[in-house]
Amino acid sequence: MMSDEAANVYPANYKSEILAYLRIYLNDPTGVRDAAIGEPALRPVHDHNRYVVCLRFSARKPSGGAYAGVKDNMVVFVAGKFDRLLEAGARETCKDDNLVAFPELEHLTR
């Protein structure tokens, strides 16, 4: 088990790690709309504080190319590295975050 001190290293490359993950995770990473991102902040995740980045975007659905609608997500980092993307609880956790445009996500390619 990693100590909180070792796990809570500021994720210096958070944007590039998020982009790399979403390029693979999204069925169609092209044409993402309404992308916005927050700054990494320590937040409770299950029983530990972890660096979390709030992320909002609308991606294309797997079939038909229509958009799924804007969804709030939390990206959890452990030891300064991408750990997982969570949708559950993101709206409440991120409600007070000052999200800014994330054009790099809107310009992803396959």
PDB file of N, CA and C in Angstrom:
ATOM      1  N   MET A   1       0.846  -1.182   0.000  1.00  0.00           N
ATOM      2  CA  MET A   1       0.000   0.000   0.000  1.00  0.00           C
ATOM      3  C   MET A   1       0.889   1.242   0.000  1.00  0.00           C
ATOM      4  N   MET A   2       0.617   2.158  -0.893  1.00  0.00           N
ATOM      5  CA  MET A   2       1.390   3.387  -1.027  1.00  0.00           C
ATOM      6  C   MET A   2       0.916   4.417  -0.009  1.00  0.00           C
ATOM      7  N   SER A   3       1.864   5.117   0.598  1.00  0.00           N
ATOM      8  CA  SER A   3       1.494   6.164   1.541  1.00  0.00           C
ATOM      9  C   SER A   3       0.845   7.328   0.802  1.00  0.00           C
ATOM     10  N   ASP A   4       0.038   8.103   1.527  1.00  0.00           N
ATOM     11  CA  ASP A   4      -0.588   9.269   0.901  1.00  0.00           C
ATOM     12  C   ASP A   4       0.457  10.247   0.392  1.00  0.00           C
ATOM     13  N   GLU A   5       1.554  10.375   1.123  1.00  0.00           N
ATOM     14  CA  GLU A   5       2.607  11.291   0.694  1.00  0.00           C
ATOM     15  C   GLU A   5       3.186  10.867  -0.665  1.00  0.00           C
ATOM     16  N   ALA A   6       3.443   9.581  -0.844  1.00  0.00           N
ATOM     17  CA  ALA A   6       3.974   9.078  -2.118  1.00  0.00           C
ATOM     18  C   ALA A   6       2.916   9.137  -3.220  1.00  0.00           C
ATOM     19  N   ALA A   7       1.672   8.910  -2.857  1.00  0.00           N
ATOM     20  CA  ALA A   7       0.591   8.898  -3.852  1.00  0.00           C
ATOM     21  C   ALA A   7       0.213  10.300  -4.300  1.00  0.00           C
ATOM     22  N   ASN A   8       0.408  11.294  -3.437  1.00  0.00           N
ATOM     23  CA  ASN A   8      -0.062  12.640  -3.742  1.00  0.00           C
ATOM     24  C   ASN A   8       1.048  13.546  -4.270  1.00  0.00           C
ATOM     25  N   VAL A   9       1.578  13.147  -5.401  1.00  0.00           N
ATOM     26  CA  VAL A   9       2.552  13.958  -6.118  1.00  0.00           C
ATOM     27  C   VAL A   9       1.777  14.742  -7.178  1.00  0.00           C
ATOM     28  N   TYR A  10       2.040  16.053  -7.253  1.00  0.00           N
ATOM     29  CA  TYR A  10       1.326  16.890  -8.225  1.00  0.00           C
ATOM     30  C   TYR A  10       1.546  16.355  -9.646  1.00  0.00           C
ATOM     31  N   PRO A  11       0.470  16.166 -10.413  1.00  0.00           N
ATOM     32  CA  PRO A  11       0.587  15.625 -11.770  1.00  0.00           C
ATOM     33  C   PRO A  11       1.012  16.708 -12.778  1.00  0.00           C
ATOM     34  N   ALA A  12       2.310  16.900 -12.934  1.00  0.00           N
ATOM     35  CA  ALA A  12       2.846  17.979 -13.765  1.00  0.00           C
ATOM     36  C   ALA A  12       2.401  17.879 -15.225  1.00  0.00           C
ATOM     37  N   ASN A  13       2.235  16.667 -15.743  1.00  0.00           N
ATOM     38  CA  ASN A  13       1.865  16.473 -17.153  1.00  0.00           C
ATOM     39  C   ASN A  13       0.409  16.028 -17.298  1.00  0.00           C
ATOM     40  N   TYR A  14      -0.456  16.557 -16.440  1.00  0.00           N
ATOM     41  CA  TYR A  14      -1.837  16.072 -16.401  1.00  0.00           C
ATOM     42  C   TYR A  14      -2.565  16.216 -17.726  1.00  0.00           C
ATOM     43  N   LYS A  15      -2.383  17.329 -18.435  1.00  0.00           N
ATOM     44  CA  LYS A  15      -3.110  17.515 -19.698  1.00  0.00           C
ATOM     45  C   LYS A  15      -2.690  16.485 -20.736  1.00  0.00           C
ATOM     46  N   SER A  16      -1.394  16.280 -20.914  1.00  0.00           N
ATOM     47  CA  SER A  16      -0.936  15.325 -21.929  1.00  0.00           C
ATOM     48  C   SER A  16      -1.339  13.900 -21.561  1.00  0.00           C
ATOM     49  N   GLU A  17      -1.331  13.568 -20.272  1.00  0.00           N
ATOM     50  CA  GLU A  17      -1.750  12.225 -19.864  1.00  0.00           C
ATOM     51  C   GLU A  17      -3.250  12.013 -20.105  1.00  0.00           C
ATOM     52  N   ILE A  18      -4.052  13.028 -19.846  1.00  0.00           N
ATOM     53  CA  ILE A  18      -5.493  12.935 -20.107  1.00  0.00           C
ATOM     54  C   ILE A  18      -5.743  12.777 -21.604  1.00  0.00           C
ATOM     55  N   LEU A  19      -5.066  13.560 -22.418  1.00  0.00           N
ATOM     56  CA  LEU A  19      -5.236  13.469 -23.874  1.00  0.00           C
ATOM     57  C   LEU A  19      -4.839  12.089 -24.387  1.00  0.00           C
ATOM     58  N   ALA A  20      -3.729  11.548 -23.902  1.00  0.00           N
ATOM     59  CA  ALA A  20      -3.279  10.222 -24.341  1.00  0.00           C
ATOM     60  C   ALA A  20      -4.316   9.156 -23.984  1.00  0.00           C
ATOM     61  N   TYR A  21      -4.874   9.242 -22.793  1.00  0.00           N
ATOM     62  CA  TYR A  21      -5.890   8.276 -22.375  1.00  0.00           C
ATOM     63  C   TYR A  21      -7.151   8.398 -23.222  1.00  0.00           C
ATOM     64  N   LEU A  22      -7.643   9.623 -23.410  1.00  0.00           N
ATOM     65  CA  LEU A  22      -8.901   9.811 -24.137  1.00  0.00           C
ATOM     66  C   LEU A  22      -8.772   9.446 -25.611  1.00  0.00           C
ATOM     67  N   ARG A  23      -7.585   9.587 -26.186  1.00  0.00           N
ATOM     68  CA  ARG A  23      -7.380   9.193 -27.583  1.00  0.00           C
ATOM     69  C   ARG A  23      -7.676   7.707 -27.748  1.00  0.00           C
ATOM     70  N   ILE A  24      -7.369   6.916 -26.717  1.00  0.00           N
ATOM     71  CA  ILE A  24      -7.611   5.469 -26.753  1.00  0.00           C
ATOM     72  C   ILE A  24      -9.006   5.121 -26.228  1.00  0.00           C
ATOM     73  N   TYR A  25      -9.429   5.788 -25.168  1.00  0.00           N
ATOM     74  CA  TYR A  25     -10.684   5.475 -24.481  1.00  0.00           C
ATOM     75  C   TYR A  25     -11.924   5.787 -25.310  1.00  0.00           C
ATOM     76  N   LEU A  26     -11.923   6.930 -25.987  1.00  0.00           N
ATOM     77  CA  LEU A  26     -13.103   7.335 -26.754  1.00  0.00           C
ATOM     78  C   LEU A  26     -13.214   6.521 -28.037  1.00  0.00           C
ATOM     79  N   ASN A  27     -14.426   6.080 -28.350  1.00  0.00           N
ATOM     80  CA  ASN A  27     -14.642   5.348 -29.598  1.00  0.00           C
ATOM     81  C   ASN A  27     -14.276   6.195 -30.802  1.00  0.00           C
ATOM     82  N   ASP A  28     -14.609   7.483 -30.754  1.00  0.00           N
ATOM     83  CA  ASP A  28     -14.250   8.419 -31.815  1.00  0.00           C
ATOM     84  C   ASP A  28     -13.706   9.680 -31.147  1.00  0.00           C
ATOM     85  N   PRO A  29     -12.375   9.798 -31.059  1.00  0.00           N
ATOM     86  CA  PRO A  29     -11.798  10.949 -30.371  1.00  0.00           C
ATOM     87  C   PRO A  29     -11.838  12.247 -31.178  1.00  0.00           C
ATOM     88  N   THR A  30     -12.300  12.173 -32.426  1.00  0.00           N
ATOM     89  CA  THR A  30     -12.358  13.380 -33.254  1.00  0.00           C
ATOM     90  C   THR A  30     -13.655  14.137 -32.993  1.00  0.00           C
ATOM     91  N   GLY A  31     -13.591  15.438 -33.095  1.00  0.00           N
ATOM     92  CA  GLY A  31     -14.801  16.250 -32.990  1.00  0.00           C
ATOM     93  C   GLY A  31     -15.374  16.389 -31.603  1.00  0.00           C
ATOM     94  N   VAL A  32     -14.575  16.190 -30.560  1.00  0.00           N
ATOM     95  CA  VAL A  32     -15.064  16.416 -29.198  1.00  0.00           C
ATOM     96  C   VAL A  32     -15.478  17.882 -29.081  1.00  0.00           C
ATOM     97  N   ARG A  33     -16.566  18.125 -28.389  1.00  0.00           N
ATOM     98  CA  ARG A  33     -17.085  19.494 -28.224  1.00  0.00           C
ATOM     99  C   ARG A  33     -17.138  19.891 -26.755  1.00  0.00           C
ATOM    100  N   ASP A  34     -17.219  21.211 -26.539  1.00  0.00           N
ATOM    101  CA  ASP A  34     -17.460  21.777 -25.206  1.00  0.00           C
ATOM    102  C   ASP A  34     -16.467  21.270 -24.158  1.00  0.00           C
ATOM    103  N   ALA A  35     -15.202  21.106 -24.546  1.00  0.00           N
ATOM    104  CA  ALA A  35     -14.187  20.583 -23.631  1.00  0.00           C
ATOM    105  C   ALA A  35     -13.732  21.676 -22.660  1.00  0.00           C
ATOM    106  N   ALA A  36     -13.691  21.324 -21.380  1.00  0.00           N
ATOM    107  CA  ALA A  36     -13.225  22.237 -20.335  1.00  0.00           C
ATOM    108  C   ALA A  36     -12.515  21.424 -19.262  1.00  0.00           C
ATOM    109  N   ILE A  37     -11.526  22.066 -18.632  1.00  0.00           N
ATOM    110  CA  ILE A  37     -10.690  21.359 -17.662  1.00  0.00           C
ATOM    111  C   ILE A  37     -10.395  22.268 -16.475  1.00  0.00           C
ATOM    112  N   GLY A  38     -10.201  21.640 -15.320  1.00  0.00           N
ATOM    113  CA  GLY A  38      -9.814  22.366 -14.114  1.00  0.00           C
ATOM    114  C   GLY A  38      -8.358  22.097 -13.780  1.00  0.00           C
ATOM    115  N   GLU A  39      -7.896  22.735 -12.723  1.00  0.00           N
ATOM    116  CA  GLU A  39      -6.531  22.520 -12.226  1.00  0.00           C
ATOM    117  C   GLU A  39      -6.527  21.318 -11.278  1.00  0.00           C
ATOM    118  N   PRO A  40      -5.423  20.597 -11.199  1.00  0.00           N
ATOM    119  CA  PRO A  40      -5.330  19.503 -10.226  1.00  0.00           C
ATOM    120  C   PRO A  40      -5.517  20.022  -8.794  1.00  0.00           C
ATOM    121  N   ALA A  41      -6.321  19.304  -8.026  1.00  0.00           N
ATOM    122  CA  ALA A  41      -6.578  19.670  -6.636  1.00  0.00           C
ATOM    123  C   ALA A  41      -6.732  18.398  -5.807  1.00  0.00           C
ATOM    124  N   LEU A  42      -6.257  18.443  -4.580  1.00  0.00           N
ATOM    125  CA  LEU A  42      -6.445  17.300  -3.685  1.00  0.00           C
ATOM    126  C   LEU A  42      -7.903  17.229  -3.263  1.00  0.00           C
ATOM    127  N   ARG A  43      -8.494  16.052  -3.474  1.00  0.00           N
ATOM    128  CA  ARG A  43      -9.903  15.831  -3.144  1.00  0.00           C
ATOM    129  C   ARG A  43     -10.069  14.417  -2.592  1.00  0.00           C
ATOM    130  N   PRO A  44     -11.105  14.209  -1.795  1.00  0.00           N
ATOM    131  CA  PRO A  44     -11.329  12.846  -1.307  1.00  0.00           C
ATOM    132  C   PRO A  44     -11.813  11.929  -2.435  1.00  0.00           C
ATOM    133  N   VAL A  45     -11.145  10.801  -2.559  1.00  0.00           N
ATOM    134  CA  VAL A  45     -11.534   9.747  -3.508  1.00  0.00           C
ATOM    135  C   VAL A  45     -11.554   8.461  -2.701  1.00  0.00           C
ATOM    136  N   HIS A  46     -12.738   7.936  -2.504  1.00  0.00           N
ATOM    137  CA  HIS A  46     -12.950   6.785  -1.628  1.00  0.00           C
ATOM    138  C   HIS A  46     -12.397   7.138  -0.242  1.00  0.00           C
ATOM    139  N   ASP A  47     -11.397   6.448   0.263  1.00  0.00           N
ATOM    140  CA  ASP A  47     -10.924   6.714   1.621  1.00  0.00           C
ATOM    141  C   ASP A  47      -9.623   7.505   1.676  1.00  0.00           C
ATOM    142  N   HIS A  48      -9.207   8.096   0.554  1.00  0.00           N
ATOM    143  CA  HIS A  48      -7.929   8.798   0.505  1.00  0.00           C
ATOM    144  C   HIS A  48      -8.081  10.116  -0.239  1.00  0.00           C
ATOM    145  N   ASN A  49      -7.211  11.062   0.055  1.00  0.00           N
ATOM    146  CA  ASN A  49      -7.118  12.265  -0.760  1.00  0.00           C
ATOM    147  C   ASN A  49      -6.188  11.967  -1.932  1.00  0.00           C
ATOM    148  N   ARG A  50      -6.618  12.383  -3.118  1.00  0.00           N
ATOM    149  CA  ARG A  50      -5.822  12.188  -4.329  1.00  0.00           C
ATOM    150  C   ARG A  50      -5.931  13.449  -5.174  1.00  0.00           C
ATOM    151  N   TYR A  51      -4.929  13.656  -6.039  1.00  0.00           N
ATOM    152  CA  TYR A  51      -5.054  14.747  -6.997  1.00  0.00           C
ATOM    153  C   TYR A  51      -6.114  14.361  -8.016  1.00  0.00           C
ATOM    154  N   VAL A  52      -7.054  15.283  -8.220  1.00  0.00           N
ATOM    155  CA  VAL A  52      -8.164  15.086  -9.147  1.00  0.00           C
ATOM    156  C   VAL A  52      -8.212  16.283 -10.087  1.00  0.00           C
ATOM    157  N   VAL A  53      -8.482  16.002 -11.354  1.00  0.00           N
ATOM    158  CA  VAL A  53      -8.702  17.045 -12.350  1.00  0.00           C
ATOM    159  C   VAL A  53     -10.132  16.897 -12.844  1.00  0.00           C
ATOM    160  N   CYS A  54     -10.894  17.976 -12.774  1.00  0.00           N
ATOM    161  CA  CYS A  54     -12.264  17.957 -13.274  1.00  0.00           C
ATOM    162  C   CYS A  54     -12.226  18.199 -14.777  1.00  0.00           C
ATOM    163  N   LEU A  55     -13.052  17.453 -15.489  1.00  0.00           N
ATOM    164  CA  LEU A  55     -13.040  17.476 -16.946  1.00  0.00           C
ATOM    165  C   LEU A  55     -14.474  17.384 -17.449  1.00  0.00           C
ATOM    166  N   ARG A  56     -14.807  18.204 -18.415  1.00  0.00           N
ATOM    167  CA  ARG A  56     -16.151  18.208 -18.996  1.00  0.00           C
ATOM    168  C   ARG A  56     -16.005  18.210 -20.514  1.00  0.00           C
ATOM    169  N   PHE A  57     -16.800  17.365 -21.185  1.00  0.00           N
ATOM    170  CA  PHE A  57     -16.772  17.355 -22.646  1.00  0.00           C
ATOM    171  C   PHE A  57     -17.967  16.586 -23.188  1.00  0.00           C
ATOM    172  N   SER A  58     -18.196  16.753 -24.477  1.00  0.00           N
ATOM    173  CA  SER A  58     -19.214  16.001 -25.198  1.00  0.00           C
ATOM    174  C   SER A  58     -18.516  15.271 -26.336  1.00  0.00           C
ATOM    175  N   ALA A  59     -18.618  13.943 -26.319  1.00  0.00           N
ATOM    176  CA  ALA A  59     -17.992  13.116 -27.355  1.00  0.00           C
ATOM    177  C   ALA A  59     -19.076  12.466 -28.206  1.00  0.00           C
ATOM    178  N   ARG A  60     -18.646  11.970 -29.337  1.00  0.00           N
ATOM    179  CA  ARG A  60     -19.588  11.265 -30.227  1.00  0.00           C
ATOM    180  C   ARG A  60     -19.961   9.909 -29.629  1.00  0.00           C
ATOM    181  N   LYS A  61     -21.192   9.489 -29.884  1.00  0.00           N
ATOM    182  CA  LYS A  61     -21.651   8.171 -29.464  1.00  0.00           C
ATOM    183  C   LYS A  61     -20.941   7.113 -30.314  1.00  0.00           C
ATOM    184  N   PRO A  62     -20.874   5.875 -29.798  1.00  0.00           N
ATOM    185  CA  PRO A  62     -20.181   4.813 -30.535  1.00  0.00           C
ATOM    186  C   PRO A  62     -20.770   4.532 -31.922  1.00  0.00           C
ATOM    187  N   SER A  63     -22.061   4.724 -32.082  1.00  0.00           N
ATOM    188  CA  SER A  63     -22.647   4.451 -33.395  1.00  0.00           C
ATOM    189  C   SER A  63     -23.446   5.663 -33.866  1.00  0.00           C
ATOM    190  N   GLY A  64     -23.340   5.956 -35.125  1.00  0.00           N
ATOM    191  CA  GLY A  64     -24.147   7.011 -35.719  1.00  0.00           C
ATOM    192  C   GLY A  64     -23.519   8.384 -35.733  1.00  0.00           C
ATOM    193  N   GLY A  65     -22.499   8.631 -34.926  1.00  0.00           N
ATOM    194  CA  GLY A  65     -21.806   9.914 -34.952  1.00  0.00           C
ATOM    195  C   GLY A  65     -22.496  11.052 -34.219  1.00  0.00           C
ATOM    196  N   ALA A  66     -23.678  10.809 -33.631  1.00  0.00           N
ATOM    197  CA  ALA A  66     -24.353  11.860 -32.857  1.00  0.00           C
ATOM    198  C   ALA A  66     -23.593  12.077 -31.549  1.00  0.00           C
ATOM    199  N   TYR A  67     -23.811  13.230 -30.941  1.00  0.00           N
ATOM    200  CA  TYR A  67     -23.131  13.538 -29.692  1.00  0.00           C
ATOM    201  C   TYR A  67     -23.910  13.009 -28.493  1.00  0.00           C
ATOM    202  N   ALA A  68     -23.179  12.564 -27.485  1.00  0.00           N
ATOM    203  CA  ALA A  68     -23.781  11.964 -26.293  1.00  0.00           C
ATOM    204  C   ALA A  68     -24.248  13.018 -25.289  1.00  0.00           C
ATOM    205  N   GLY A  69     -23.832  14.269 -25.473  1.00  0.00           N
ATOM    206  CA  GLY A  69     -24.155  15.321 -24.522  1.00  0.00           C
ATOM    207  C   GLY A  69     -22.986  15.565 -23.586  1.00  0.00           C
ATOM    208  N   VAL A  70     -22.981  16.708 -22.960  1.00  0.00           N
ATOM    209  CA  VAL A  70     -21.878  17.087 -22.082  1.00  0.00           C
ATOM    210  C   VAL A  70     -21.906  16.244 -20.814  1.00  0.00           C
ATOM    211  N   LYS A  71     -20.751  15.689 -20.455  1.00  0.00           N
ATOM    212  CA  LYS A  71     -20.629  14.874 -19.246  1.00  0.00           C
ATOM    213  C   LYS A  71     -19.492  15.412 -18.394  1.00  0.00           C
ATOM    214  N   ASP A  72     -19.714  15.391 -17.080  1.00  0.00           N
ATOM    215  CA  ASP A  72     -18.679  15.757 -16.121  1.00  0.00           C
ATOM    216  C   ASP A  72     -17.916  14.500 -15.731  1.00  0.00           C
ATOM    217  N   ASN A  73     -16.599  14.640 -15.629  1.00  0.00           N
ATOM    218  CA  ASN A  73     -15.723  13.531 -15.268  1.00  0.00           C
ATOM    219  C   ASN A  73     -14.689  14.018 -14.271  1.00  0.00           C
ATOM    220  N   MET A  74     -14.130  13.082 -13.528  1.00  0.00           N
ATOM    221  CA  MET A  74     -12.991  13.357 -12.654  1.00  0.00           C
ATOM    222  C   MET A  74     -11.872  12.431 -13.092  1.00  0.00           C
ATOM    223  N   VAL A  75     -10.702  12.995 -13.253  1.00  0.00           N
ATOM    224  CA  VAL A  75      -9.530  12.189 -13.563  1.00  0.00           C
ATOM    225  C   VAL A  75      -8.694  12.120 -12.287  1.00  0.00           C
ATOM    226  N   VAL A  76      -8.438  10.901 -11.828  1.00  0.00           N
ATOM    227  CA  VAL A  76      -7.701  10.679 -10.588  1.00  0.00           C
ATOM    228  C   VAL A  76      -6.244  10.363 -10.929  1.00  0.00           C
ATOM    229  N   PHE A  77      -5.338  11.005 -10.196  1.00  0.00           N
ATOM    230  CA  PHE A  77      -3.910  10.776 -10.377  1.00  0.00           C
ATOM    231  C   PHE A  77      -3.333  10.178  -9.103  1.00  0.00           C
ATOM    232  N   VAL A  78      -2.438   9.213  -9.262  1.00  0.00           N
ATOM    233  CA  VAL A  78      -1.741   8.592  -8.141  1.00  0.00           C
ATOM    234  C   VAL A  78      -0.252   8.640  -8.457  1.00  0.00           C
ATOM    235  N   ALA A  79       0.529   9.124  -7.518  1.00  0.00           N
ATOM    236  CA  ALA A  79       1.977   9.269  -7.681  1.00  0.00           C
ATOM    237  C   ALA A  79       2.305  10.118  -8.907  1.00  0.00           C
ATOM    238  N   GLY A  80       1.467  11.107  -9.186  1.00  0.00           N
ATOM    239  CA  GLY A  80       1.706  12.027 -10.293  1.00  0.00           C
ATOM    240  C   GLY A  80       1.322  11.511 -11.658  1.00  0.00           C
ATOM    241  N   LYS A  81       0.744  10.305 -11.730  1.00  0.00           N
ATOM    242  CA  LYS A  81       0.391   9.680 -13.014  1.00  0.00           C
ATOM    243  C   LYS A  81      -1.106   9.398 -13.095  1.00  0.00           C
ATOM    244  N   PHE A  82      -1.630   9.411 -14.333  1.00  0.00           N
ATOM    245  CA  PHE A  82      -3.034   9.088 -14.585  1.00  0.00           C
ATOM    246  C   PHE A  82      -3.350   7.743 -13.963  1.00  0.00           C
ATOM    247  N   ASP A  83      -4.453   7.682 -13.208  1.00  0.00           N
ATOM    248  CA  ASP A  83      -4.875   6.424 -12.606  1.00  0.00           C
ATOM    249  C   ASP A  83      -6.201   5.953 -13.190  1.00  0.00           C
ATOM    250  N   ARG A  84      -7.214   6.856 -13.195  1.00  0.00           N
ATOM    251  CA  ARG A  84      -8.522   6.444 -13.734  1.00  0.00           C
ATOM    252  C   ARG A  84      -9.413   7.657 -13.993  1.00  0.00           C
ATOM    253  N   LEU A  85     -10.415   7.426 -14.824  1.00  0.00           N
ATOM    254  CA  LEU A  85     -11.427   8.422 -15.161  1.00  0.00           C
ATOM    255  C   LEU A  85     -12.728   7.972 -14.504  1.00  0.00           C
ATOM    256  N   LEU A  86     -13.355   8.872 -13.752  1.00  0.00           N
ATOM    257  CA  LEU A  86     -14.616   8.554 -13.076  1.00  0.00           C
ATOM    258  C   LEU A  86     -15.691   9.537 -13.505  1.00  0.00           C
ATOM    259  N   GLU A  87     -16.855   9.016 -13.842  1.00  0.00           N
ATOM    260  CA  GLU A  87     -18.000   9.885 -14.109  1.00  0.00           C
ATOM    261  C   GLU A  87     -18.865   9.997 -12.856  1.00  0.00           C
ATOM    262  N   ALA A  88     -18.979   8.888 -12.120  1.00  0.00           N
ATOM    263  CA  ALA A  88     -19.810   8.866 -10.917  1.00  0.00           C
ATOM    264  C   ALA A  88     -19.283   9.869  -9.893  1.00  0.00           C
ATOM    265  N   GLY A  89     -20.133  10.763  -9.460  1.00  0.00           N
ATOM    266  CA  GLY A  89     -19.775  11.738  -8.448  1.00  0.00           C
ATOM    267  C   GLY A  89     -19.091  12.984  -8.963  1.00  0.00           C
ATOM    268  N   ALA A  90     -18.780  13.025 -10.250  1.00  0.00           N
ATOM    269  CA  ALA A  90     -18.030  14.154 -10.802  1.00  0.00           C
ATOM    270  C   ALA A  90     -18.820  15.459 -10.739  1.00  0.00           C
ATOM    271  N   ARG A  91     -20.096  15.413 -11.047  1.00  0.00           N
ATOM    272  CA  ARG A  91     -20.894  16.643 -11.056  1.00  0.00           C
ATOM    273  C   ARG A  91     -20.855  17.318  -9.683  1.00  0.00           C
ATOM    274  N   GLU A  92     -21.021  16.550  -8.630  1.00  0.00           N
ATOM    275  CA  GLU A  92     -21.011  17.112  -7.273  1.00  0.00           C
ATOM    276  C   GLU A  92     -19.605  17.555  -6.875  1.00  0.00           C
ATOM    277  N   THR A  93     -18.626  16.722  -7.122  1.00  0.00           N
ATOM    278  CA  THR A  93     -17.242  17.039  -6.741  1.00  0.00           C
ATOM    279  C   THR A  93     -16.726  18.273  -7.462  1.00  0.00           C
ATOM    280  N   CYS A  94     -17.105  18.442  -8.717  1.00  0.00           N
ATOM    281  CA  CYS A  94     -16.542  19.506  -9.555  1.00  0.00           C
ATOM    282  C   CYS A  94     -17.426  20.744  -9.664  1.00  0.00           C
ATOM    283  N   LYS A  95     -18.521  20.786  -8.953  1.00  0.00           N
ATOM    284  CA  LYS A  95     -19.500  21.858  -9.153  1.00  0.00           C
ATOM    285  C   LYS A  95     -18.942  23.256  -8.915  1.00  0.00           C
ATOM    286  N   ASP A  96     -17.965  23.406  -8.031  1.00  0.00           N
ATOM    287  CA  ASP A  96     -17.421  24.731  -7.728  1.00  0.00           C
ATOM    288  C   ASP A  96     -16.096  25.010  -8.436  1.00  0.00           C
ATOM    289  N   ASP A  97     -15.639  24.092  -9.277  1.00  0.00           N
ATOM    290  CA  ASP A  97     -14.377  24.293  -9.992  1.00  0.00           C
ATOM    291  C   ASP A  97     -14.529  25.326 -11.095  1.00  0.00           C
ATOM    292  N   ASN A  98     -13.481  26.082 -11.292  1.00  0.00           N
ATOM    293  CA  ASN A  98     -13.437  27.055 -12.382  1.00  0.00           C
ATOM    294  C   ASN A  98     -12.808  26.358 -13.585  1.00  0.00           C
ATOM    295  N   LEU A  99     -13.640  25.790 -14.439  1.00  0.00           N
ATOM    296  CA  LEU A  99     -13.137  25.092 -15.614  1.00  0.00           C
ATOM    297  C   LEU A  99     -12.855  26.089 -16.726  1.00  0.00           C
ATOM    298  N   VAL A 100     -11.786  25.831 -17.475  1.00  0.00           N
ATOM    299  CA  VAL A 100     -11.404  26.683 -18.598  1.00  0.00           C
ATOM    300  C   VAL A 100     -11.409  25.836 -19.866  1.00  0.00           C
ATOM    301  N   ALA A 101     -11.503  26.499 -21.000  1.00  0.00           N
ATOM    302  CA  ALA A 101     -11.532  25.797 -22.292  1.00  0.00           C
ATOM    303  C   ALA A 101     -10.323  24.868 -22.421  1.00  0.00           C
ATOM    304  N   PHE A 102     -10.552  23.740 -23.038  1.00  0.00           N
ATOM    305  CA  PHE A 102      -9.508  22.726 -23.252  1.00  0.00           C
ATOM    306  C   PHE A 102      -9.478  22.386 -24.744  1.00  0.00           C
ATOM    307  N   PRO A 103      -8.979  23.336 -25.572  1.00  0.00           N
ATOM    308  CA  PRO A 103      -9.028  23.141 -27.026  1.00  0.00           C
ATOM    309  C   PRO A 103      -8.211  21.951 -27.506  1.00  0.00           C
ATOM    310  N   GLU A 104      -7.190  21.553 -26.752  1.00  0.00           N
ATOM    311  CA  GLU A 104      -6.388  20.396 -27.164  1.00  0.00           C
ATOM    312  C   GLU A 104      -7.251  19.141 -27.257  1.00  0.00           C
ATOM    313  N   LEU A 105      -8.239  19.008 -26.387  1.00  0.00           N
ATOM    314  CA  LEU A 105      -9.135  17.851 -26.439  1.00  0.00           C
ATOM    315  C   LEU A 105     -10.055  17.938 -27.653  1.00  0.00           C
ATOM    316  N   GLU A 106     -10.464  19.136 -28.007  1.00  0.00           N
ATOM    317  CA  GLU A 106     -11.348  19.301 -29.165  1.00  0.00           C
ATOM    318  C   GLU A 106     -10.635  19.058 -30.489  1.00  0.00           C
ATOM    319  N   HIS A 107      -9.302  19.025 -30.468  1.00  0.00           N
ATOM    320  CA  HIS A 107      -8.527  18.816 -31.699  1.00  0.00           C
ATOM    321  C   HIS A 107      -7.840  17.463 -31.747  1.00  0.00           C
ATOM    322  N   LEU A 108      -8.304  16.510 -30.937  1.00  0.00           N
ATOM    323  CA  LEU A 108      -7.715  15.160 -30.961  1.00  0.00           C
ATOM    324  C   LEU A 108      -7.927  14.520 -32.328  1.00  0.00           C
ATOM    325  N   THR A 109      -6.983  13.676 -32.681  1.00  0.00           N
ATOM    326  CA  THR A 109      -7.110  12.857 -33.900  1.00  0.00           C
ATOM    327  C   THR A 109      -7.034  11.396 -33.484  1.00  0.00           C
ATOM    328  N   ARG A 110      -7.305  10.518 -34.409  1.00  0.00           N
ATOM    329  CA  ARG A 110      -7.241   9.080 -34.120  1.00  0.00           C
ATOM    330  C   ARG A 110      -5.827   8.615 -33.908  1.00  0.00           C
TER     331      ARG A 110
END
